[in-house]
Amino acid sequence: MIRVFLYSDVILDFLLQREPFATAAGAIFARGEAGSLRGVLHLLPVAAEHADTALASNLKDVEDYVQYTVAGAVR
C-alpha cells in the first residue's frame, strides 16, 4: 500500500470535475477505492514558519512551496 500526499487542488479537480485534471485525479481516487493507496485524510496545520520559508524562497509558486514544506514536516 502506498501512502500519498494529495495537494488540495487534486481533490478539488476531482470533486469539481475540473478539466484537464479531473481524469487523472479520478484515477488517484480509484486506486484509493481499490485499496492500493492508503486513504486517510489528515488536515495539516500551516505554521508561520512554513509561510516564512516559502516567502523567503525565490520560487514562483509560493502556495506550492508552503504545501511542500508542510508535507515534509509530517514524515
C-alpha atoms as a PDB file:
ATOM      1  CA  MET A   1       0.000   0.000   0.000  1.00  0.00           C
ATOM      2  CA  ILE A   2       1.309   3.436  -0.956  1.00  0.00           C
ATOM      3  CA  ARG A   3       0.944   6.474   1.275  1.00  0.00           C
ATOM      4  CA  VAL A   4       0.446   9.728  -0.643  1.00  0.00           C
ATOM      5  CA  PHE A   5       0.110  13.444  -0.021  1.00  0.00           C
ATOM      6  CA  LEU A   6      -2.691  14.926  -2.106  1.00  0.00           C
ATOM      7  CA  TYR A   7      -2.400  18.565  -2.935  1.00  0.00           C
ATOM      8  CA  SER A   8      -5.692  20.356  -2.266  1.00  0.00           C
ATOM      9  CA  ASP A   9      -6.075  21.208  -5.964  1.00  0.00           C
ATOM     10  CA  VAL A  10      -6.125  17.486  -6.847  1.00  0.00           C
ATOM     11  CA  ILE A  11      -9.054  16.959  -4.504  1.00  0.00           C
ATOM     12  CA  LEU A  12     -10.863  19.974  -5.951  1.00  0.00           C
ATOM     13  CA  ASP A  13     -10.138  18.828  -9.526  1.00  0.00           C
ATOM     14  CA  PHE A  14     -11.815  15.519  -8.725  1.00  0.00           C
ATOM     15  CA  LEU A  15     -14.804  16.905  -6.838  1.00  0.00           C
ATOM     16  CA  LEU A  16     -15.494  19.741  -9.266  1.00  0.00           C
ATOM     17  CA  GLN A  17     -14.564  17.728 -12.382  1.00  0.00           C
ATOM     18  CA  ARG A  18     -12.130  20.430 -13.500  1.00  0.00           C
ATOM     19  CA  GLU A  19     -10.565  19.559 -16.825  1.00  0.00           C
ATOM     20  CA  PRO A  20      -7.966  18.724 -17.934  1.00  0.00           C
ATOM     21  CA  PHE A  21      -7.041  17.330 -14.496  1.00  0.00           C
ATOM     22  CA  ALA A  22     -10.273  15.583 -13.453  1.00  0.00           C
ATOM     23  CA  THR A  23      -9.432  12.321 -15.225  1.00  0.00           C
ATOM     24  CA  ALA A  24      -6.017  11.976 -13.567  1.00  0.00           C
ATOM     25  CA  ALA A  25      -7.438  12.956 -10.178  1.00  0.00           C
ATOM     26  CA  GLY A  26     -10.189  10.361 -10.626  1.00  0.00           C
ATOM     27  CA  ALA A  27      -7.555   7.692 -11.289  1.00  0.00           C
ATOM     28  CA  ILE A  28      -5.893   8.502  -7.961  1.00  0.00           C
ATOM     29  CA  PHE A  29      -9.193   8.198  -6.101  1.00  0.00           C
ATOM     30  CA  ALA A  30      -9.966   4.939  -7.936  1.00  0.00           C
ATOM     31  CA  ARG A  31      -6.674   3.475  -6.689  1.00  0.00           C
ATOM     32  CA  GLY A  32      -7.670   4.503  -3.177  1.00  0.00           C
ATOM     33  CA  GLU A  33     -11.003   2.727  -3.520  1.00  0.00           C
ATOM     34  CA  ALA A  34      -9.221  -0.370  -4.853  1.00  0.00           C
ATOM     35  CA  GLY A  35      -7.034  -0.423  -1.743  1.00  0.00           C
ATOM     36  CA  SER A  36      -3.679   0.248  -3.392  1.00  0.00           C
ATOM     37  CA  LEU A  37      -3.373   3.682  -1.788  1.00  0.00           C
ATOM     38  CA  ARG A  38      -3.780   4.466   1.871  1.00  0.00           C
ATOM     39  CA  GLY A  39      -6.955   6.506   2.171  1.00  0.00           C
ATOM     40  CA  VAL A  40      -6.527   8.575   5.305  1.00  0.00           C
ATOM     41  CA  LEU A  41      -7.403  12.243   5.380  1.00  0.00           C
ATOM     42  CA  HIS A  42      -5.312  14.479   7.561  1.00  0.00           C
ATOM     43  CA  LEU A  43      -5.670  18.212   7.714  1.00  0.00           C
ATOM     44  CA  LEU A  44      -2.175  19.551   8.138  1.00  0.00           C
ATOM     45  CA  PRO A  45      -1.594  22.772  10.046  1.00  0.00           C
ATOM     46  CA  VAL A  46       0.341  25.548   8.373  1.00  0.00           C
ATOM     47  CA  ALA A  47       2.625  27.368  10.777  1.00  0.00           C
ATOM     48  CA  ALA A  48       4.071  30.827  10.288  1.00  0.00           C
ATOM     49  CA  GLU A  49       7.488  29.231   9.736  1.00  0.00           C
ATOM     50  CA  HIS A  50       6.153  27.353   6.693  1.00  0.00           C
ATOM     51  CA  ALA A  51       4.871  30.554   5.144  1.00  0.00           C
ATOM     52  CA  ASP A  52       8.066  32.451   6.033  1.00  0.00           C
ATOM     53  CA  THR A  53      10.218  29.756   4.406  1.00  0.00           C
ATOM     54  CA  ALA A  54       8.096  29.840   1.268  1.00  0.00           C
ATOM     55  CA  LEU A  55       8.158  33.629   1.065  1.00  0.00           C
ATOM     56  CA  ALA A  56      11.939  33.694   1.569  1.00  0.00           C
ATOM     57  CA  SER A  57      12.455  31.291  -1.325  1.00  0.00           C
ATOM     58  CA  ASN A  58      12.778  32.582  -4.844  1.00  0.00           C
ATOM     59  CA  LEU A  59      10.185  30.163  -6.168  1.00  0.00           C
ATOM     60  CA  LYS A  60       7.424  31.439  -8.405  1.00  0.00           C
ATOM     61  CA  ASP A  61       4.628  29.411  -6.781  1.00  0.00           C
ATOM     62  CA  VAL A  62       4.676  30.203  -3.057  1.00  0.00           C
ATOM     63  CA  GLU A  63       1.475  28.223  -2.373  1.00  0.00           C
ATOM     64  CA  ASP A  64       3.025  25.030  -3.747  1.00  0.00           C
ATOM     65  CA  TYR A  65       6.125  25.502  -1.619  1.00  0.00           C
ATOM     66  CA  VAL A  66       4.040  26.003   1.532  1.00  0.00           C
ATOM     67  CA  GLN A  67       2.281  22.680   0.911  1.00  0.00           C
ATOM     68  CA  TYR A  68       5.631  21.028   0.176  1.00  0.00           C
ATOM     69  CA  THR A  69       7.152  22.199   3.479  1.00  0.00           C
ATOM     70  CA  VAL A  70       4.050  21.185   5.464  1.00  0.00           C
ATOM     71  CA  ALA A  71       4.046  17.702   3.918  1.00  0.00           C
ATOM     72  CA  GLY A  72       7.770  17.331   4.621  1.00  0.00           C
ATOM     73  CA  ALA A  73       7.252  18.146   8.290  1.00  0.00           C
ATOM     74  CA  VAL A  74       4.835  15.214   8.711  1.00  0.00           C
ATOM     75  CA  ARG A  75       7.275  12.424   7.862  1.00  0.00           C
END
